[in-house]
Protein backbone atom coordinates (compact mmCIF):
# COMPACT_ATOMS: atom_id res chain seq x y z
CA MET A 1 32.37 134.20 -14.56
CA LYS A 2 33.43 136.63 -11.82
CA ASP A 3 34.07 139.35 -14.45
CA ILE A 4 30.58 138.94 -15.91
CA PRO A 5 27.85 141.08 -14.31
CA LEU A 6 25.40 139.09 -12.21
CA TYR A 7 22.39 139.97 -14.38
CA LYS A 8 24.33 138.70 -17.43
CA GLN A 9 25.07 135.42 -15.66
CA ILE A 10 21.34 134.94 -15.07
CA GLN A 11 20.60 135.72 -18.70
CA GLU A 12 23.18 133.22 -19.92
CA ALA A 13 21.79 130.54 -17.60
CA ILE A 14 18.28 131.03 -19.01
CA LYS A 15 19.54 131.09 -22.60
CA SER A 16 21.43 127.87 -21.95
CA GLN A 17 18.26 126.16 -20.70
CA ILE A 18 16.44 127.31 -23.85
CA SER A 19 19.18 126.11 -26.19
CA LEU A 20 19.24 122.72 -24.44
CA GLY A 21 15.49 122.39 -24.88
CA ASN A 22 14.81 122.35 -21.14
CA LEU A 23 12.77 125.52 -21.62
CA ARG A 24 10.47 125.49 -24.64
CA PRO A 25 8.35 128.22 -26.26
CA GLY A 26 5.58 129.11 -23.86
CA ASP A 27 7.30 127.76 -20.76
CA ARG A 28 7.15 130.02 -17.73
CA ILE A 29 10.45 131.50 -16.55
CA PRO A 30 10.96 131.55 -12.74
CA SER A 31 9.80 134.79 -11.15
CA GLU A 32 12.15 137.61 -10.21
CA LYS A 33 11.82 136.53 -6.58
CA ASP A 34 12.61 132.87 -7.36
CA LEU A 35 15.60 133.83 -9.51
CA ALA A 36 16.88 136.13 -6.77
CA ALA A 37 16.77 133.24 -4.28
CA GLN A 38 18.35 130.81 -6.77
CA PHE A 39 21.27 133.09 -7.71
CA HIS A 40 21.57 134.86 -4.34
CA VAL A 41 21.14 138.32 -5.86
CA SER A 42 18.81 141.27 -5.40
CA LEU A 43 15.39 141.66 -7.00
CA MET A 44 16.76 144.61 -8.97
CA THR A 45 19.37 142.31 -10.54
CA THR A 46 16.82 139.72 -11.64
CA LYS A 47 14.47 142.44 -12.88
CA ASN A 48 17.26 143.81 -15.08
CA ALA A 49 18.10 140.31 -16.31
CA LEU A 50 14.54 139.56 -17.43
CA ALA A 51 14.06 143.04 -18.88
CA GLY A 52 17.18 142.52 -20.99
CA LEU A 53 15.93 139.16 -22.27
CA ALA A 54 12.62 140.81 -23.19
CA GLU A 55 14.55 143.47 -25.12
CA GLU A 56 16.22 140.71 -27.11
CA GLY A 57 12.87 139.10 -27.87
CA ILE A 58 13.78 135.92 -26.01
CA VAL A 59 11.01 136.21 -23.41
CA ILE A 60 7.59 137.79 -23.22
CA ARG A 61 6.60 139.56 -19.99
CA SER A 62 2.92 139.89 -19.17
CA LYS A 63 1.56 141.87 -16.23
CA GLY A 64 -0.02 139.61 -13.66
CA LYS A 65 0.89 136.47 -15.63
CA GLY A 66 4.65 136.14 -15.51
CA THR A 67 7.53 135.76 -17.94
CA PHE A 68 7.45 133.18 -20.75
CA VAL A 69 9.83 131.89 -23.41
CA ALA A 70 8.88 133.68 -26.62
CA GLY A 71 11.30 131.71 -28.73
CA GLN A 72 14.84 132.20 -29.85
CA ALA A 73 17.19 129.98 -31.80
CA PRO A 74 16.60 127.07 -32.19
CA TYR A 75 12.85 127.86 -32.10
CA ASN A 76 12.78 130.97 -34.29
CA LEU A 77 9.62 132.38 -32.73
CA PHE A 78 9.72 136.17 -32.59
CA PHE A 79 7.11 138.81 -31.92
CA PRO A 80 7.38 141.79 -34.29
CA ALA A 81 9.83 144.33 -32.91
CA ASP A 82 7.42 147.23 -33.53
CA GLU A 83 4.46 145.64 -31.70
CA GLY A 84 3.87 147.36 -28.37
CA SER A 85 6.44 148.51 -25.89
CA ARG A 86 9.54 146.55 -25.01
CA GLY A 87 9.84 144.86 -21.65
CA GLU A 88 6.37 144.58 -20.12
CA ARG A 89 3.77 143.46 -22.68
CA GLU A 90 0.05 143.14 -22.26
CA LEU A 91 -1.78 139.87 -22.81
CA PRO A 92 -2.55 139.69 -26.55
CA ALA A 93 -6.10 138.82 -27.57
CA TYR A 94 -6.25 135.34 -29.09
CA ARG A 95 -7.74 136.52 -32.35
CA HIS A 96 -4.92 139.04 -32.72
CA SER A 97 -2.09 136.66 -31.85
CA TYR A 98 1.27 137.61 -33.31
CA GLY A 99 3.14 134.34 -32.80
CA LYS A 100 2.43 131.21 -34.85
CA LEU A 101 1.70 129.17 -31.76
CA ILE A 102 -0.92 126.53 -31.07
CA GLY A 103 -1.55 125.56 -27.46
CA MET A 104 -2.30 122.06 -26.21
CA ILE A 105 -3.44 121.06 -22.73
CA ILE A 106 -3.20 117.35 -21.89
CA PRO A 107 -3.84 115.48 -18.60
CA SER A 108 -0.46 113.71 -18.63
CA MET A 109 2.07 112.25 -21.02
CA ARG A 110 2.48 108.85 -19.40
CA THR A 111 0.13 106.64 -21.46
CA GLN A 112 0.75 105.38 -24.99
CA VAL A 113 -2.48 107.01 -26.16
CA GLU A 114 -1.43 110.41 -24.82
CA GLN A 115 2.05 110.10 -26.30
CA ARG A 116 0.75 109.12 -29.73
CA LEU A 117 -1.84 111.89 -29.68
CA LEU A 118 0.84 114.40 -28.77
CA ASP A 119 3.13 113.20 -31.57
CA ALA A 120 0.31 113.32 -34.12
CA ILE A 121 -0.80 116.79 -33.11
CA GLU A 122 2.73 118.21 -32.98
CA ASN A 123 3.51 116.81 -36.44
CA ALA A 124 0.28 118.21 -37.88
CA VAL A 125 0.79 121.63 -36.27
CA ASN A 126 4.38 121.80 -37.56
CA GLY A 127 3.10 120.92 -41.02
CA TYR A 128 1.12 124.17 -41.02
CA GLY A 129 4.21 126.15 -40.02
CA TYR A 130 3.11 126.58 -36.42
CA THR A 131 4.73 125.45 -33.16
CA LEU A 132 2.91 123.47 -30.49
CA VAL A 133 3.13 124.76 -26.92
CA ILE A 134 2.20 122.08 -24.37
CA ARG A 135 0.78 122.29 -20.87
CA VAL A 136 0.12 119.25 -18.63
CA SER A 137 -2.87 119.54 -16.29
CA ARG A 138 -2.08 116.36 -14.29
CA GLY A 139 -5.78 115.69 -13.82
CA SER A 140 -6.39 118.98 -12.01
CA ALA A 141 -9.24 121.26 -13.11
CA ALA A 142 -7.53 124.24 -11.48
CA LYS A 143 -4.22 123.49 -13.24
CA GLU A 144 -6.04 123.02 -16.53
CA LEU A 145 -7.65 126.45 -16.19
CA GLN A 146 -4.35 128.06 -15.19
CA SER A 147 -2.70 126.43 -18.21
CA LEU A 148 -5.17 128.21 -20.46
CA GLU A 149 -4.31 131.53 -18.83
CA ASP A 150 -0.58 130.82 -19.24
CA LEU A 151 -1.01 129.99 -22.90
CA GLY A 152 -3.01 133.15 -23.36
CA ALA A 153 -0.12 135.15 -21.97
CA ILE A 154 2.08 134.14 -24.90
CA GLY A 155 -0.59 134.73 -27.54
CA ILE A 156 -1.60 131.33 -28.93
CA SER A 157 -3.70 131.34 -32.08
CA GLY A 158 -5.84 128.38 -30.99
CA LEU A 159 -6.10 125.51 -28.52
CA ILE A 160 -6.25 121.71 -28.70
CA LEU A 161 -7.82 120.66 -25.40
CA PHE A 162 -7.54 117.11 -24.05
CA SER A 163 -9.56 117.99 -21.00
CA ILE A 164 -9.74 116.07 -17.76
CA GLY A 165 -13.29 115.93 -19.07
CA ALA A 166 -15.28 115.47 -15.88
CA LEU A 167 -18.95 115.63 -16.82
CA HIS A 168 -19.56 118.54 -14.42
CA GLU A 169 -16.36 120.42 -15.29
CA ARG A 170 -16.75 123.19 -17.87
CA ARG A 171 -14.59 126.05 -16.59
CA THR A 172 -11.75 125.75 -19.12
CA VAL A 173 -14.09 125.59 -22.11
CA VAL A 174 -16.19 128.45 -20.76
CA ARG A 175 -13.07 130.55 -20.16
CA ALA A 176 -11.78 129.82 -23.68
CA GLU A 177 -15.10 131.06 -25.07
CA GLU A 178 -14.86 134.23 -22.96
CA LEU A 179 -11.39 134.91 -24.35
CA GLU A 180 -12.57 134.12 -27.89
CA CYS A 181 -9.93 131.42 -28.16
CA PRO A 182 -10.65 128.90 -30.94
CA VAL A 183 -10.69 125.46 -29.28
CA VAL A 184 -11.05 121.85 -30.42
CA LEU A 185 -11.68 119.12 -27.86
CA ILE A 186 -10.06 115.72 -28.34
CA ASP A 187 -11.10 112.46 -26.65
CA ARG A 188 -13.88 114.30 -24.84
CA TYR A 189 -17.13 116.05 -25.62
CA TYR A 190 -19.92 117.81 -23.73
CA ASN A 191 -23.55 117.20 -24.61
CA ASP A 192 -24.61 120.58 -23.28
CA ARG A 193 -22.01 122.75 -25.03
CA PRO A 194 -21.57 123.17 -28.81
CA VAL A 195 -17.78 122.76 -28.73
CA VAL A 196 -16.21 120.95 -31.68
CA SER A 197 -14.72 117.61 -30.69
CA VAL A 198 -12.79 114.70 -32.21
CA CYS A 199 -13.04 111.34 -30.42
CA SER A 200 -12.68 107.62 -31.01
CA ASP A 201 -15.89 105.74 -31.75
CA ASN A 202 -16.01 104.24 -28.27
CA LYS A 203 -19.52 102.85 -28.58
CA ALA A 204 -18.56 100.89 -31.67
CA GLY A 205 -15.37 99.78 -29.92
CA SER A 206 -17.37 98.20 -27.12
CA ARG A 207 -19.61 96.48 -29.62
CA LYS A 208 -16.54 94.99 -31.34
CA ALA A 209 -15.29 93.70 -28.00
CA VAL A 210 -18.59 92.01 -27.11
CA SER A 211 -19.06 90.67 -30.64
CA TYR A 212 -15.60 89.10 -30.55
CA LEU A 213 -16.21 87.38 -27.22
CA VAL A 214 -19.65 86.10 -28.22
CA GLY A 215 -18.21 84.87 -31.50
CA LYS A 216 -15.63 82.90 -29.50
CA GLY A 217 -18.44 81.20 -27.59
CA HIS A 218 -18.33 83.34 -24.43
CA HIS A 219 -21.84 83.94 -23.13
CA ARG A 220 -20.96 84.75 -19.52
CA LEU A 221 -19.21 88.11 -19.48
CA ALA A 222 -17.65 90.41 -16.93
CA LEU A 223 -17.20 94.16 -17.28
CA LEU A 224 -14.48 96.01 -15.36
CA THR A 225 -14.73 99.77 -15.53
CA PRO A 226 -13.85 102.93 -13.64
CA PRO A 227 -16.71 105.30 -12.71
CA VAL A 228 -18.36 107.32 -15.45
CA GLU A 229 -16.55 110.61 -15.01
CA HIS A 230 -16.30 111.73 -18.64
CA SER A 231 -17.74 111.10 -22.10
CA VAL A 232 -15.26 108.34 -23.02
CA MET A 233 -16.40 106.01 -20.27
CA ALA A 234 -20.03 106.95 -20.80
CA ASP A 235 -19.78 105.90 -24.45
CA ARG A 236 -17.87 102.70 -23.73
CA LEU A 237 -20.45 101.61 -21.17
CA ALA A 238 -23.35 102.58 -23.44
CA GLY A 239 -21.79 100.58 -26.26
CA PHE A 240 -21.32 97.57 -24.00
CA GLU A 241 -24.91 97.60 -22.73
CA SER A 242 -26.26 98.01 -26.25
CA ALA A 243 -24.16 95.09 -27.51
CA VAL A 244 -25.24 92.86 -24.62
CA ALA A 245 -28.86 93.46 -25.60
CA GLU A 246 -28.11 93.08 -29.32
CA PHE A 247 -26.49 89.67 -28.88
CA GLY A 248 -29.22 88.42 -26.59
CA LEU A 249 -27.16 87.87 -23.47
CA LYS A 250 -29.21 87.30 -20.32
CA PRO A 251 -28.85 89.99 -17.64
CA SER A 252 -27.88 87.30 -15.14
CA SER A 253 -24.98 86.23 -17.35
CA VAL A 254 -23.22 89.62 -17.22
CA LEU A 255 -21.18 90.60 -14.16
CA ARG A 256 -20.30 94.27 -13.70
CA TYR A 257 -17.71 95.79 -11.38
CA THR A 258 -17.07 99.54 -11.12
CA VAL A 259 -13.64 100.13 -9.58
CA PRO A 260 -12.98 103.48 -7.85
CA TYR A 261 -10.30 105.47 -9.69
CA GLN A 262 -8.24 106.06 -6.59
CA ARG A 263 -7.94 102.34 -5.91
CA PHE A 264 -6.26 101.38 -9.18
CA ASN A 265 -5.01 104.63 -10.66
CA VAL A 266 -3.09 106.02 -7.67
CA SER A 267 -1.68 102.90 -6.05
CA ARG A 268 -0.97 99.99 -8.36
CA LYS A 269 -0.38 97.74 -5.35
CA ASP A 270 -3.78 98.58 -3.87
CA GLY A 271 -5.44 98.16 -7.24
CA ALA A 272 -3.82 94.79 -7.82
CA GLU A 273 -4.97 93.53 -4.42
CA LEU A 274 -8.50 94.82 -4.97
CA ILE A 275 -8.84 93.03 -8.32
CA HIS A 276 -7.17 89.92 -6.89
CA GLN A 277 -9.77 89.68 -4.13
CA TRP A 278 -12.58 90.25 -6.63
CA MET A 279 -11.24 87.52 -8.91
CA LEU A 280 -11.00 85.04 -6.04
CA ILE A 281 -14.74 85.43 -5.52
CA HIS A 282 -16.03 85.85 -9.08
CA HIS A 283 -13.66 84.03 -11.48
CA ASP A 284 -16.14 81.18 -12.02
CA SER A 285 -18.92 83.60 -13.03
CA PHE A 286 -17.48 84.56 -16.42
CA THR A 287 -15.36 83.33 -19.32
CA GLY A 288 -15.06 86.58 -21.26
CA LEU A 289 -14.06 89.94 -19.79
CA VAL A 290 -14.14 93.49 -21.17
CA ALA A 291 -12.05 96.18 -19.44
CA THR A 292 -12.82 99.76 -20.43
CA ASP A 293 -9.48 100.97 -19.02
CA VAL A 294 -6.10 99.56 -20.02
CA GLU A 295 -4.71 99.51 -16.47
CA LEU A 296 -7.75 97.59 -15.22
CA ALA A 297 -7.17 95.06 -18.00
CA ARG A 298 -3.57 94.53 -16.89
CA LEU A 299 -4.62 94.10 -13.27
CA ALA A 300 -7.35 91.63 -14.26
CA TYR A 301 -4.98 89.51 -16.34
CA HIS A 302 -2.32 89.33 -13.63
CA ALA A 303 -4.96 88.56 -10.98
CA LEU A 304 -6.17 85.62 -13.05
CA LYS A 305 -2.58 84.44 -13.54
CA ARG A 306 -1.96 84.74 -9.82
CA ILE A 307 -4.86 82.38 -8.98
CA ASN A 308 -4.15 80.15 -11.99
CA ARG A 309 -7.50 80.80 -13.65
CA THR A 310 -6.60 82.06 -17.13
CA ALA A 311 -7.52 78.81 -18.88
CA GLY A 312 -10.69 79.13 -20.94
CA LYS A 313 -10.94 82.87 -20.38
CA GLN A 314 -10.54 85.68 -22.90
CA LEU A 315 -9.92 89.37 -22.14
CA VAL A 316 -10.53 92.40 -24.34
CA ALA A 317 -9.12 95.80 -23.34
CA PHE A 318 -9.39 99.33 -24.60
CA ASP A 319 -5.87 100.16 -25.78
CA ASP A 320 -2.83 97.90 -25.83
CA THR A 321 -1.97 96.17 -22.55
CA GLU A 322 1.27 94.87 -24.15
CA ILE A 323 0.15 91.39 -23.06
CA PRO A 324 0.13 89.13 -26.15
CA GLU A 325 -2.82 87.04 -24.92
CA VAL A 326 -5.14 90.03 -24.52
CA ALA A 327 -7.15 91.36 -27.47
CA PHE A 328 -7.65 95.11 -27.53
CA ILE A 329 -9.49 97.97 -29.16
CA ARG A 330 -6.97 100.23 -30.87
CA GLN A 331 -7.64 103.95 -31.24
CA ASN A 332 -6.36 105.82 -34.28
CA GLU A 333 -4.49 108.62 -32.55
CA ALA A 334 -2.87 109.81 -35.78
CA ALA A 335 -6.27 110.38 -37.38
CA ILE A 336 -7.65 112.08 -34.26
CA GLY A 337 -4.70 114.47 -34.08
CA ALA A 338 -4.72 115.27 -37.79
CA LYS A 339 -8.47 115.94 -37.82
CA ALA A 340 -8.34 118.16 -34.74
CA VAL A 341 -5.53 120.28 -36.15
CA SER A 342 -7.20 120.47 -39.56
CA LEU A 343 -10.40 121.80 -38.01
CA LEU A 344 -8.52 124.35 -35.94
CA MET A 345 -6.41 125.55 -38.86
CA GLY A 346 -9.45 125.80 -41.08
CA HIS A 347 -10.90 128.26 -38.62
CA ILE A 348 -7.66 130.21 -38.12
CA ALA A 349 -6.70 130.43 -41.80
CA ARG A 350 -10.09 130.54 -43.54
CA GLY A 351 -12.59 131.49 -40.88
CA GLU A 352 -14.41 128.17 -41.11
CA GLN A 353 -16.93 127.62 -38.34
CA LEU A 354 -15.87 125.29 -35.55
CA GLN A 355 -18.80 122.99 -34.92
CA GLY A 356 -19.74 119.33 -34.86
CA ARG A 357 -18.74 116.10 -33.17
CA PHE A 358 -16.37 113.90 -35.17
CA VAL A 359 -15.75 110.23 -34.41
CA VAL A 360 -12.78 108.19 -35.63
CA PRO A 361 -13.19 104.41 -36.14
CA THR A 362 -11.45 101.94 -33.83
CA GLN A 363 -9.93 98.56 -34.67
CA LEU A 364 -10.05 95.22 -32.86
CA ILE A 365 -6.58 93.74 -32.54
CA LEU A 366 -6.60 89.99 -31.94
CA PRO A 367 -4.22 88.18 -29.57
CA SER A 368 -0.91 87.32 -31.13
């Protein structure tokens, strides 16, 4: 390696990370300053290294945005050699994108629902001959917005947005509209903005949960839910309240507990203790329980086990708790992903208007 120029060593290191799949199309390359610190070289050396990679079409450099993987074997994503100047390239307008790239922004990739949505969307996008470029917002509105800017720097043709979805948070959608980026929301919608969306039928899912419990003879119910911070929870709660009225349950026979997100979603230990204490007080007040969040359902089940009060009780969760005794409402992530991509591609390929709110049916899965 000593005989290889330093800038070449940096180039080979970056190419190696791309070939191993550690850097994917659309991923940001460390800055010249960061590379200089990592390899103990001058800024001029790292500048030459990145400029050379841009010449080869391996990276795209955008003023004020950074340097991104444009795609090279094994990804086969190239910008036309005669488009613009080599080296520094301006941010391409979305509607004039040169790469066959679709962006996706997702809160995390830790839940089964998120993983299945991602798989479905990536498969559908690949089926159209495009490549999916993923950004993870980690529940941060600022990171979500920055992810959109990053994706814009590499010239995506459209965006699948699984937003953090807070009811008051619109900045990413507004910014996408300003940039004329075609966008389809999944698992979220906004009543006050005409953005096309594809979601599970959460209201009907809640009705199925209540109907199942009432059909099993449970007329004293409990509801465990996080706060209403986005459209999913709003619909699940609306569906629950509507079903309670439909099946004639007395208001006094329904116990409701709204659990702060930070208590069960950040610290599992704190969440488990919180639900345990609640169960110690209220376990005699219900026989059937609906949990609108899968983690709350797990905590509720284990709290009941801990105090030896599972006998005669039935739980229904949204999404699979992986506990055989717990029924759950299953979402059809494959259908959601396929529909979202179909709508986006219809706009990109045929100019079809992006409008409407689409709901995908859910399914009640009984205990095994």
